């Protein structure tokens, strides 16, 4: 039986609703303006005398983000956005300005600066993984993936029946790969799952990772799935380009030696985990958003099918 999509409310918020809360924390000096609105979040720009801050209202699929970012901001200042205030019940965030995104076409050299610090954050957050799960961060731990894969196959997917059959036939092998990956013993932790250049911001010489609303608790090395996808698709690096090995090694350095094979396996499993996460995102979208979402999702699914083949 197919699992149908939810028609729940989005991350939309009216300025009149949010403004009193914003003003309780900062003193705007000009109009508060909406700069971004999607089903999963709305962002408002708040001008201050000495700069700007940002308000974010998260939709139900990302309602865990305010607490998560507040926790990360406390423990990892300078590596994520500074959280000035958050409201866990309403899923609201108030963030200090983090500068400008490095861009989807940021050169590989920039990632040499980003990835080791991000890996150190992940290592530190292993101690808090169960806390994050208790506050509704998505569970994509290896032990949960076989059941999540079965659920994923029962959802509406924007690919044809033959392609879905490939994914169905791959299910036993996927279970085996999950077992192999678990045997490597890397602790599971927070995994951003959208680690590309529009979510890394540069300000005053620091690079910060923002927008943790797609995060899960899972295998940390799966973070490289999206980063490498963008380097291949946007920067046009061929899969054999030496930069991939160099960036992989920079990311793995904080984890210790001898993890190259583990990383390759985690990326293979993580390609499917990423598709599973997108199925959850799709389930929260209204019908009118699917024409924009589905072509990108279909490309992602076909990439997973290529891994399965």
C-alpha atoms as a PDB file:
ATOM      1  CA  UNK A   1       0.000   0.000   0.000  1.00  0.00           C
ATOM      2  CA  UNK A   2       1.303   3.447  -0.866  1.00  0.00           C
ATOM      3  CA  UNK A   3       1.947   5.886   1.955  1.00  0.00           C
ATOM      4  CA  UNK A   4       0.185   9.117   1.031  1.00  0.00           C
ATOM      5  CA  UNK A   5       1.527  12.579   1.582  1.00  0.00           C
ATOM      6  CA  UNK A   6       0.539  14.786   4.458  1.00  0.00           C
ATOM      7  CA  UNK A   7      -1.283  18.056   3.769  1.00  0.00           C
ATOM      8  CA  UNK A   8      -0.159  19.617   7.053  1.00  0.00           C
ATOM      9  CA  UNK A   9       0.611  23.313   7.448  1.00  0.00           C
ATOM     10  CA  UNK A  10       3.862  24.823   6.239  1.00  0.00           C
ATOM     11  CA  UNK A  11       6.533  26.981   7.811  1.00  0.00           C
ATOM     12  CA  UNK A  12       4.658  30.150   6.832  1.00  0.00           C
ATOM     13  CA  UNK A  13       4.400  32.875   9.468  1.00  0.00           C
ATOM     14  CA  UNK A  14       2.791  36.317   9.420  1.00  0.00           C
ATOM     15  CA  UNK A  15       4.904  39.323  10.348  1.00  0.00           C
ATOM     16  CA  UNK A  16       2.260  40.516  12.805  1.00  0.00           C
ATOM     17  CA  UNK A  17       2.592  37.219  14.649  1.00  0.00           C
ATOM     18  CA  UNK A  18       6.382  37.171  14.787  1.00  0.00           C
ATOM     19  CA  UNK A  19       7.207  40.866  15.265  1.00  0.00           C
ATOM     20  CA  UNK A  20       6.409  41.144  18.997  1.00  0.00           C
ATOM     21  CA  UNK A  21       8.654  38.143  19.707  1.00  0.00           C
ATOM     22  CA  UNK A  22      11.438  39.584  17.577  1.00  0.00           C
ATOM     23  CA  UNK A  23      11.200  42.968  19.307  1.00  0.00           C
ATOM     24  CA  UNK A  24      11.416  41.276  22.692  1.00  0.00           C
ATOM     25  CA  UNK A  25      14.975  40.256  21.782  1.00  0.00           C
ATOM     26  CA  UNK A  26      16.327  42.978  19.471  1.00  0.00           C
ATOM     27  CA  UNK A  27      15.528  46.576  18.475  1.00  0.00           C
ATOM     28  CA  UNK A  28      14.798  46.875  14.755  1.00  0.00           C
ATOM     29  CA  UNK A  29      15.552  50.253  13.152  1.00  0.00           C
ATOM     30  CA  UNK A  30      13.602  49.701   9.952  1.00  0.00           C
ATOM     31  CA  UNK A  31      10.979  47.502   8.322  1.00  0.00           C
ATOM     32  CA  UNK A  32      11.171  43.767   8.928  1.00  0.00           C
ATOM     33  CA  UNK A  33      11.013  42.098   5.521  1.00  0.00           C
ATOM     34  CA  UNK A  34      10.256  38.586   4.338  1.00  0.00           C
ATOM     35  CA  UNK A  35      13.181  37.363   2.225  1.00  0.00           C
ATOM     36  CA  UNK A  36      12.420  33.659   1.826  1.00  0.00           C
ATOM     37  CA  UNK A  37       9.319  31.497   2.011  1.00  0.00           C
ATOM     38  CA  UNK A  38       9.104  27.788   1.315  1.00  0.00           C
ATOM     39  CA  UNK A  39       6.799  25.063   2.667  1.00  0.00           C
ATOM     40  CA  UNK A  40       9.482  24.088   5.179  1.00  0.00           C
ATOM     41  CA  UNK A  41      10.519  27.565   6.438  1.00  0.00           C
ATOM     42  CA  UNK A  42      10.114  31.326   6.258  1.00  0.00           C
ATOM     43  CA  UNK A  43      12.944  33.828   6.797  1.00  0.00           C
ATOM     44  CA  UNK A  44      12.619  37.488   7.784  1.00  0.00           C
ATOM     45  CA  UNK A  45      15.368  40.129   7.610  1.00  0.00           C
ATOM     46  CA  UNK A  46      15.547  42.326  10.707  1.00  0.00           C
ATOM     47  CA  UNK A  47      17.633  45.544  10.356  1.00  0.00           C
ATOM     48  CA  UNK A  48      19.466  46.759  13.465  1.00  0.00           C
ATOM     49  CA  UNK A  49      21.507  49.891  14.139  1.00  0.00           C
ATOM     50  CA  UNK A  50      24.727  47.894  13.868  1.00  0.00           C
ATOM     51  CA  UNK A  51      23.766  45.399  11.176  1.00  0.00           C
ATOM     52  CA  UNK A  52      21.116  42.785  10.601  1.00  0.00           C
ATOM     53  CA  UNK A  53      19.734  39.635  12.233  1.00  0.00           C
ATOM     54  CA  UNK A  54      17.530  36.922  10.783  1.00  0.00           C
ATOM     55  CA  UNK A  55      14.279  35.370  11.972  1.00  0.00           C
ATOM     56  CA  UNK A  56      13.403  31.861  10.810  1.00  0.00           C
ATOM     57  CA  UNK A  57      10.103  30.024  11.277  1.00  0.00           C
ATOM     58  CA  UNK A  58      10.397  26.284  10.648  1.00  0.00           C
ATOM     59  CA  UNK A  59       7.615  24.077   9.318  1.00  0.00           C
ATOM     60  CA  UNK A  60       6.601  20.773  10.930  1.00  0.00           C
ATOM     61  CA  UNK A  61       9.112  18.682   8.963  1.00  0.00           C
ATOM     62  CA  UNK A  62      11.947  20.826  10.376  1.00  0.00           C
ATOM     63  CA  UNK A  63      10.442  21.801  13.731  1.00  0.00           C
ATOM     64  CA  UNK A  64      13.425  20.296  15.570  1.00  0.00           C
ATOM     65  CA  UNK A  65      15.824  22.832  14.028  1.00  0.00           C
ATOM     66  CA  UNK A  66      15.558  25.728  16.545  1.00  0.00           C
ATOM     67  CA  UNK A  67      16.524  23.597  19.520  1.00  0.00           C
ATOM     68  CA  UNK A  68      19.208  21.779  17.551  1.00  0.00           C
ATOM     69  CA  UNK A  69      20.814  25.004  16.309  1.00  0.00           C
ATOM     70  CA  UNK A  70      20.643  26.543  19.783  1.00  0.00           C
ATOM     71  CA  UNK A  71      22.470  23.536  21.224  1.00  0.00           C
ATOM     72  CA  UNK A  72      25.101  23.586  18.485  1.00  0.00           C
ATOM     73  CA  UNK A  73      25.555  27.347  18.843  1.00  0.00           C
ATOM     74  CA  UNK A  74      26.278  26.928  22.551  1.00  0.00           C
ATOM     75  CA  UNK A  75      28.763  24.104  22.101  1.00  0.00           C
ATOM     76  CA  UNK A  76      30.341  25.112  18.777  1.00  0.00           C
ATOM     77  CA  UNK A  77      30.554  28.918  18.571  1.00  0.00           C
ATOM     78  CA  UNK A  78      32.155  30.076  15.367  1.00  0.00           C
ATOM     79  CA  UNK A  79      31.264  26.911  13.456  1.00  0.00           C
ATOM     80  CA  UNK A  80      27.504  27.448  13.196  1.00  0.00           C
ATOM     81  CA  UNK A  81      25.280  30.515  13.254  1.00  0.00           C
ATOM     82  CA  UNK A  82      25.036  32.354  16.578  1.00  0.00           C
ATOM     83  CA  UNK A  83      21.536  31.788  17.974  1.00  0.00           C
ATOM     84  CA  UNK A  84      20.268  34.922  19.715  1.00  0.00           C
ATOM     85  CA  UNK A  85      16.943  33.393  20.761  1.00  0.00           C
ATOM     86  CA  UNK A  86      14.728  30.440  19.964  1.00  0.00           C
ATOM     87  CA  UNK A  87      11.220  29.249  20.724  1.00  0.00           C
ATOM     88  CA  UNK A  88      11.070  25.469  20.632  1.00  0.00           C
ATOM     89  CA  UNK A  89       7.269  25.256  20.824  1.00  0.00           C
ATOM     90  CA  UNK A  90       6.682  27.606  17.881  1.00  0.00           C
ATOM     91  CA  UNK A  91       9.811  26.447  16.016  1.00  0.00           C
ATOM     92  CA  UNK A  92      11.234  29.962  15.750  1.00  0.00           C
ATOM     93  CA  UNK A  93      14.869  31.061  15.543  1.00  0.00           C
ATOM     94  CA  UNK A  94      16.613  34.420  15.775  1.00  0.00           C
ATOM     95  CA  UNK A  95      20.097  34.301  14.285  1.00  0.00           C
ATOM     96  CA  UNK A  96      23.012  36.710  14.200  1.00  0.00           C
ATOM     97  CA  UNK A  97      24.238  37.596  10.732  1.00  0.00           C
ATOM     98  CA  UNK A  98      26.642  34.958   9.408  1.00  0.00           C
ATOM     99  CA  UNK A  99      27.706  36.824   6.281  1.00  0.00           C
ATOM    100  CA  UNK A 100      27.225  35.459   2.780  1.00  0.00           C
ATOM    101  CA  UNK A 101      27.070  31.905   1.435  1.00  0.00           C
ATOM    102  CA  UNK A 102      30.213  30.690  -0.281  1.00  0.00           C
ATOM    103  CA  UNK A 103      27.988  29.547  -3.175  1.00  0.00           C
ATOM    104  CA  UNK A 104      27.183  26.243  -4.827  1.00  0.00           C
ATOM    105  CA  UNK A 105      30.179  26.679  -7.119  1.00  0.00           C
ATOM    106  CA  UNK A 106      32.674  27.335  -4.312  1.00  0.00           C
ATOM    107  CA  UNK A 107      36.075  25.906  -5.299  1.00  0.00           C
ATOM    108  CA  UNK A 108      37.261  22.664  -3.694  1.00  0.00           C
ATOM    109  CA  UNK A 109      39.945  24.601  -1.799  1.00  0.00           C
ATOM    110  CA  UNK A 110      37.231  26.204   0.342  1.00  0.00           C
ATOM    111  CA  UNK A 111      36.004  22.802   1.463  1.00  0.00           C
ATOM    112  CA  UNK A 112      39.463  22.038   2.845  1.00  0.00           C
ATOM    113  CA  UNK A 113      38.666  24.714   5.437  1.00  0.00           C
ATOM    114  CA  UNK A 114      35.094  23.573   6.107  1.00  0.00           C
ATOM    115  CA  UNK A 115      35.245  19.799   6.377  1.00  0.00           C
ATOM    116  CA  UNK A 116      37.747  19.197   9.234  1.00  0.00           C
ATOM    117  CA  UNK A 117      35.934  21.588  11.573  1.00  0.00           C
ATOM    118  CA  UNK A 118      32.587  20.092  10.646  1.00  0.00           C
ATOM    119  CA  UNK A 119      33.963  16.604  11.376  1.00  0.00           C
ATOM    120  CA  UNK A 120      35.188  17.769  14.794  1.00  0.00           C
ATOM    121  CA  UNK A 121      31.682  19.059  15.544  1.00  0.00           C
ATOM    122  CA  UNK A 122      30.238  15.698  14.563  1.00  0.00           C
ATOM    123  CA  UNK A 123      32.669  13.833  16.796  1.00  0.00           C
ATOM    124  CA  UNK A 124      31.785  16.056  19.721  1.00  0.00           C
ATOM    125  CA  UNK A 125      28.063  15.606  19.139  1.00  0.00           C
ATOM    126  CA  UNK A 126      28.197  11.812  19.392  1.00  0.00           C
ATOM    127  CA  UNK A 127      27.688  12.310  23.131  1.00  0.00           C
ATOM    128  CA  UNK A 128      24.425  14.148  22.430  1.00  0.00           C
ATOM    129  CA  UNK A 129      22.956  11.951  19.690  1.00  0.00           C
ATOM    130  CA  UNK A 130      20.270  10.443  21.917  1.00  0.00           C
ATOM    131  CA  UNK A 131      19.259  13.899  23.144  1.00  0.00           C
ATOM    132  CA  UNK A 132      18.784  15.020  19.545  1.00  0.00           C
ATOM    133  CA  UNK A 133      16.701  11.937  18.770  1.00  0.00           C
ATOM    134  CA  UNK A 134      14.554  12.616  21.825  1.00  0.00           C
ATOM    135  CA  UNK A 135      13.832  16.066  20.368  1.00  0.00           C
ATOM    136  CA  UNK A 136      12.657  14.720  16.995  1.00  0.00           C
ATOM    137  CA  UNK A 137      15.776  14.942  14.867  1.00  0.00           C
ATOM    138  CA  UNK A 138      15.198  12.374  12.138  1.00  0.00           C
ATOM    139  CA  UNK A 139      16.460   8.863  12.934  1.00  0.00           C
ATOM    140  CA  UNK A 140      18.589   7.549  10.084  1.00  0.00           C
ATOM    141  CA  UNK A 141      20.866   5.391  12.194  1.00  0.00           C
ATOM    142  CA  UNK A 142      22.139   2.282  10.457  1.00  0.00           C
ATOM    143  CA  UNK A 143      19.917  -0.014  12.529  1.00  0.00           C
ATOM    144  CA  UNK A 144      16.850   1.978  11.463  1.00  0.00           C
ATOM    145  CA  UNK A 145      17.667   2.104   7.748  1.00  0.00           C
ATOM    146  CA  UNK A 146      16.320  -1.310   6.597  1.00  0.00           C
ATOM    147  CA  UNK A 147      12.851  -0.513   7.965  1.00  0.00           C
ATOM    148  CA  UNK A 148      13.065   3.038   6.627  1.00  0.00           C
ATOM    149  CA  UNK A 149      13.990   1.603   3.210  1.00  0.00           C
ATOM    150  CA  UNK A 150      10.876  -0.595   3.229  1.00  0.00           C
ATOM    151  CA  UNK A 151       8.744   2.417   4.152  1.00  0.00           C
ATOM    152  CA  UNK A 152      10.431   4.455   1.418  1.00  0.00           C
ATOM    153  CA  UNK A 153       9.532   1.837  -1.206  1.00  0.00           C
ATOM    154  CA  UNK A 154       5.885   2.121  -0.175  1.00  0.00           C
ATOM    155  CA  UNK A 155       5.740   5.859  -0.820  1.00  0.00           C
ATOM    156  CA  UNK A 156       4.835   7.746  -3.963  1.00  0.00           C
ATOM    157  CA  UNK A 157       8.083   8.181  -5.882  1.00  0.00           C
ATOM    158  CA  UNK A 158       8.465  10.292  -9.063  1.00  0.00           C
ATOM    159  CA  UNK A 159      10.107   7.517 -11.110  1.00  0.00           C
ATOM    160  CA  UNK A 160       8.684   4.743 -13.258  1.00  0.00           C
ATOM    161  CA  UNK A 161       7.751   1.230 -12.160  1.00  0.00           C
ATOM    162  CA  UNK A 162      10.826  -0.398 -13.666  1.00  0.00           C
ATOM    163  CA  UNK A 163      13.074   1.927 -11.699  1.00  0.00           C
ATOM    164  CA  UNK A 164      11.163   1.220  -8.505  1.00  0.00           C
ATOM    165  CA  UNK A 165      11.590  -2.512  -9.193  1.00  0.00           C
ATOM    166  CA  UNK A 166      15.364  -2.003  -9.254  1.00  0.00           C
ATOM    167  CA  UNK A 167      15.159  -0.435  -5.811  1.00  0.00           C
ATOM    168  CA  UNK A 168      12.960  -3.294  -4.560  1.00  0.00           C
ATOM    169  CA  UNK A 169      15.367  -5.934  -5.829  1.00  0.00           C
ATOM    170  CA  UNK A 170      18.216  -4.098  -4.133  1.00  0.00           C
ATOM    171  CA  UNK A 171      16.570  -4.283  -0.687  1.00  0.00           C
ATOM    172  CA  UNK A 172      18.338  -7.478   0.536  1.00  0.00           C
ATOM    173  CA  UNK A 173      21.695  -6.129  -0.602  1.00  0.00           C
ATOM    174  CA  UNK A 174      20.975  -2.817   1.133  1.00  0.00           C
ATOM    175  CA  UNK A 175      20.325  -4.664   4.392  1.00  0.00           C
ATOM    176  CA  UNK A 176      23.648  -6.473   3.988  1.00  0.00           C
ATOM    177  CA  UNK A 177      25.498  -3.222   3.286  1.00  0.00           C
ATOM    178  CA  UNK A 178      24.003  -1.683   6.423  1.00  0.00           C
ATOM    179  CA  UNK A 179      25.303  -4.638   8.433  1.00  0.00           C
ATOM    180  CA  UNK A 180      28.761  -4.253   6.917  1.00  0.00           C
ATOM    181  CA  UNK A 181      28.823  -0.538   7.704  1.00  0.00           C
ATOM    182  CA  UNK A 182      27.670  -1.064  11.286  1.00  0.00           C
ATOM    183  CA  UNK A 183      30.527  -3.529  11.813  1.00  0.00           C
ATOM    184  CA  UNK A 184      33.046  -0.735  11.191  1.00  0.00           C
ATOM    185  CA  UNK A 185      32.033   0.754  14.539  1.00  0.00           C
ATOM    186  CA  UNK A 186      31.970   4.485  13.762  1.00  0.00           C
ATOM    187  CA  UNK A 187      29.694   6.240  16.297  1.00  0.00           C
ATOM    188  CA  UNK A 188      26.570   7.801  14.838  1.00  0.00           C
ATOM    189  CA  UNK A 189      25.941  11.487  15.300  1.00  0.00           C
ATOM    190  CA  UNK A 190      24.410  14.585  13.760  1.00  0.00           C
ATOM    191  CA  UNK A 191      24.569  14.572   9.973  1.00  0.00           C
ATOM    192  CA  UNK A 192      23.701  17.834   8.184  1.00  0.00           C
ATOM    193  CA  UNK A 193      22.561  16.043   4.983  1.00  0.00           C
ATOM    194  CA  UNK A 194      22.530  19.273   2.946  1.00  0.00           C
ATOM    195  CA  UNK A 195      26.180  20.270   3.140  1.00  0.00           C
ATOM    196  CA  UNK A 196      26.696  22.415   0.049  1.00  0.00           C
ATOM    197  CA  UNK A 197      27.940  25.930  -0.574  1.00  0.00           C
ATOM    198  CA  UNK A 198      24.634  27.726  -0.047  1.00  0.00           C
ATOM    199  CA  UNK A 199      24.594  26.418   3.531  1.00  0.00           C
ATOM    200  CA  UNK A 200      28.152  27.467   4.390  1.00  0.00           C
ATOM    201  CA  UNK A 201      28.551  31.183   5.184  1.00  0.00           C
ATOM    202  CA  UNK A 202      31.666  33.347   5.316  1.00  0.00           C
ATOM    203  CA  UNK A 203      31.949  36.269   7.750  1.00  0.00           C
ATOM    204  CA  UNK A 204      34.971  37.959   9.325  1.00  0.00           C
ATOM    205  CA  UNK A 205      37.283  35.170   8.221  1.00  0.00           C
ATOM    206  CA  UNK A 206      35.103  32.384   9.643  1.00  0.00           C
ATOM    207  CA  UNK A 207      33.156  29.726   7.762  1.00  0.00           C
ATOM    208  CA  UNK A 208      29.962  28.612   9.458  1.00  0.00           C
ATOM    209  CA  UNK A 209      27.576  25.775   8.594  1.00  0.00           C
ATOM    210  CA  UNK A 210      23.939  26.969   8.625  1.00  0.00           C
ATOM    211  CA  UNK A 211      20.467  25.570   7.924  1.00  0.00           C
ATOM    212  CA  UNK A 212      20.378  22.318   9.888  1.00  0.00           C
ATOM    213  CA  UNK A 213      16.720  21.576   9.104  1.00  0.00           C
ATOM    214  CA  UNK A 214      17.513  18.540   6.929  1.00  0.00           C
ATOM    215  CA  UNK A 215      19.685  16.966   9.615  1.00  0.00           C
ATOM    216  CA  UNK A 216      19.446  13.450  10.922  1.00  0.00           C
ATOM    217  CA  UNK A 217      21.207  11.203  13.371  1.00  0.00           C
ATOM    218  CA  UNK A 218      23.077   8.736  11.238  1.00  0.00           C
ATOM    219  CA  UNK A 219      26.473   7.725   9.954  1.00  0.00           C
ATOM    220  CA  UNK A 220      28.632  10.868   9.969  1.00  0.00           C
ATOM    221  CA  UNK A 221      30.509  10.077   6.767  1.00  0.00           C
ATOM    222  CA  UNK A 222      27.258  10.220   4.780  1.00  0.00           C
ATOM    223  CA  UNK A 223      27.621  14.004   5.032  1.00  0.00           C
ATOM    224  CA  UNK A 224      29.917  13.834   2.004  1.00  0.00           C
ATOM    225  CA  UNK A 225      27.122  12.546  -0.251  1.00  0.00           C
ATOM    226  CA  UNK A 226      25.703  16.034  -0.864  1.00  0.00           C
ATOM    227  CA  UNK A 227      29.047  17.859  -0.833  1.00  0.00           C
ATOM    228  CA  UNK A 228      30.461  15.532  -3.472  1.00  0.00           C
ATOM    229  CA  UNK A 229      27.214  15.601  -5.468  1.00  0.00           C
ATOM    230  CA  UNK A 230      27.522  19.385  -5.822  1.00  0.00           C
ATOM    231  CA  UNK A 231      31.230  19.268  -6.630  1.00  0.00           C
ATOM    232  CA  UNK A 232      30.491  16.772  -9.385  1.00  0.00           C
ATOM    233  CA  UNK A 233      27.329  18.414 -10.701  1.00  0.00           C
ATOM    234  CA  UNK A 234      28.082  22.129 -10.288  1.00  0.00           C
ATOM    235  CA  UNK A 235      31.875  22.294 -10.317  1.00  0.00           C
ATOM    236  CA  UNK A 236      31.949  19.621 -13.045  1.00  0.00           C
ATOM    237  CA  UNK A 237      34.634  17.569 -11.310  1.00  0.00           C
ATOM    238  CA  UNK A 238      34.728  14.044 -12.785  1.00  0.00           C
ATOM    239  CA  UNK A 239      34.351  11.241 -10.198  1.00  0.00           C
ATOM    240  CA  UNK A 240      38.031  10.363 -10.654  1.00  0.00           C
ATOM    241  CA  UNK A 241      39.261  13.893  -9.910  1.00  0.00           C
ATOM    242  CA  UNK A 242      41.976  13.856  -7.199  1.00  0.00           C
ATOM    243  CA  UNK A 243      40.098  16.540  -5.272  1.00  0.00           C
ATOM    244  CA  UNK A 244      37.567  13.976  -4.031  1.00  0.00           C
ATOM    245  CA  UNK A 245      40.266  11.906  -2.336  1.00  0.00           C
ATOM    246  CA  UNK A 246      41.931  15.029  -0.943  1.00  0.00           C
ATOM    247  CA  UNK A 247      38.675  16.342   0.544  1.00  0.00           C
ATOM    248  CA  UNK A 248      37.732  12.908   1.854  1.00  0.00           C
ATOM    249  CA  UNK A 249      41.071  12.671   3.641  1.00  0.00           C
ATOM    250  CA  UNK A 250      40.712  16.181   5.087  1.00  0.00           C
ATOM    251  CA  UNK A 251      37.275  15.247   6.423  1.00  0.00           C
ATOM    252  CA  UNK A 252      38.467  11.905   7.819  1.00  0.00           C
ATOM    253  CA  UNK A 253      41.566  13.282   9.547  1.00  0.00           C
ATOM    254  CA  UNK A 254      39.738  14.141  12.821  1.00  0.00           C
ATOM    255  CA  UNK A 255      38.245  10.625  12.872  1.00  0.00           C
ATOM    256  CA  UNK A 256      41.577   8.809  12.700  1.00  0.00           C
ATOM    257  CA  UNK A 257      43.558   6.736  10.171  1.00  0.00           C
ATOM    258  CA  UNK A 258      42.531   3.799   8.022  1.00  0.00           C
ATOM    259  CA  UNK A 259      38.950   4.836   7.253  1.00  0.00           C
ATOM    260  CA  UNK A 260      38.995   5.137   3.468  1.00  0.00           C
ATOM    261  CA  UNK A 261      37.029   1.918   2.867  1.00  0.00           C
ATOM    262  CA  UNK A 262      34.590   2.796   5.641  1.00  0.00           C
ATOM    263  CA  UNK A 263      33.984   6.151   4.007  1.00  0.00           C
ATOM    264  CA  UNK A 264      33.301   4.607   0.604  1.00  0.00           C
ATOM    265  CA  UNK A 265      30.782   2.222   2.147  1.00  0.00           C
ATOM    266  CA  UNK A 266      29.140   5.035   4.148  1.00  0.00           C
ATOM    267  CA  UNK A 267      28.740   7.125   1.001  1.00  0.00           C
ATOM    268  CA  UNK A 268      27.126   4.176  -0.790  1.00  0.00           C
ATOM    269  CA  UNK A 269      24.661   3.545   2.045  1.00  0.00           C
ATOM    270  CA  UNK A 270      24.275   7.283   2.580  1.00  0.00           C
ATOM    271  CA  UNK A 271      23.128   7.795  -1.007  1.00  0.00           C
ATOM    272  CA  UNK A 272      20.042   5.742  -0.151  1.00  0.00           C
ATOM    273  CA  UNK A 273      19.628   7.353   3.276  1.00  0.00           C
ATOM    274  CA  UNK A 274      19.575  10.738   1.534  1.00  0.00           C
ATOM    275  CA  UNK A 275      16.815   9.536  -0.816  1.00  0.00           C
ATOM    276  CA  UNK A 276      14.873   8.234   2.183  1.00  0.00           C
ATOM    277  CA  UNK A 277      15.171  11.642   3.848  1.00  0.00           C
ATOM    278  CA  UNK A 278      13.818  13.340   0.729  1.00  0.00           C
ATOM    279  CA  UNK A 279      10.793  11.031   0.744  1.00  0.00           C
ATOM    280  CA  UNK A 280       9.960  12.364   4.209  1.00  0.00           C
ATOM    281  CA  UNK A 281      10.358  15.931   2.949  1.00  0.00           C
ATOM    282  CA  UNK A 282       8.103  15.212  -0.035  1.00  0.00           C
ATOM    283  CA  UNK A 283       5.392  13.823   2.235  1.00  0.00           C
ATOM    284  CA  UNK A 284       5.042  17.247   3.854  1.00  0.00           C
ATOM    285  CA  UNK A 285       4.722  19.215   0.606  1.00  0.00           C
ATOM    286  CA  UNK A 286       1.427  20.523  -0.788  1.00  0.00           C
ATOM    287  CA  UNK A 287       0.455  19.253  -4.227  1.00  0.00           C
ATOM    288  CA  UNK A 288       1.324  22.532  -5.955  1.00  0.00           C
ATOM    289  CA  UNK A 289       4.976  22.208  -4.882  1.00  0.00           C
ATOM    290  CA  UNK A 290       5.526  18.781  -6.426  1.00  0.00           C
ATOM    291  CA  UNK A 291       6.141  19.979  -9.982  1.00  0.00           C
ATOM    292  CA  UNK A 292       9.149  21.903  -8.691  1.00  0.00           C
ATOM    293  CA  UNK A 293      10.370  19.273  -6.212  1.00  0.00           C
ATOM    294  CA  UNK A 294       9.896  16.032  -8.137  1.00  0.00           C
ATOM    295  CA  UNK A 295      12.338  16.533 -11.043  1.00  0.00           C
ATOM    296  CA  UNK A 296      15.194  17.081  -8.577  1.00  0.00           C
ATOM    297  CA  UNK A 297      14.044  14.156  -6.464  1.00  0.00           C
ATOM    298  CA  UNK A 298      13.842  11.911  -9.533  1.00  0.00           C
ATOM    299  CA  UNK A 299      17.465  12.794 -10.376  1.00  0.00           C
ATOM    300  CA  UNK A 300      18.484  11.872  -6.837  1.00  0.00           C
ATOM    301  CA  UNK A 301      16.596   8.575  -7.005  1.00  0.00           C
ATOM    302  CA  UNK A 302      18.227   7.686 -10.319  1.00  0.00           C
ATOM    303  CA  UNK A 303      21.612   8.348  -8.794  1.00  0.00           C
ATOM    304  CA  UNK A 304      20.718   5.828  -6.066  1.00  0.00           C
ATOM    305  CA  UNK A 305      19.572   3.392  -8.743  1.00  0.00           C
ATOM    306  CA  UNK A 306      22.981   3.785 -10.373  1.00  0.00           C
ATOM    307  CA  UNK A 307      24.571   2.799  -7.063  1.00  0.00           C
ATOM    308  CA  UNK A 308      22.215  -0.182  -6.807  1.00  0.00           C
ATOM    309  CA  UNK A 309      22.951  -1.433 -10.313  1.00  0.00           C
END
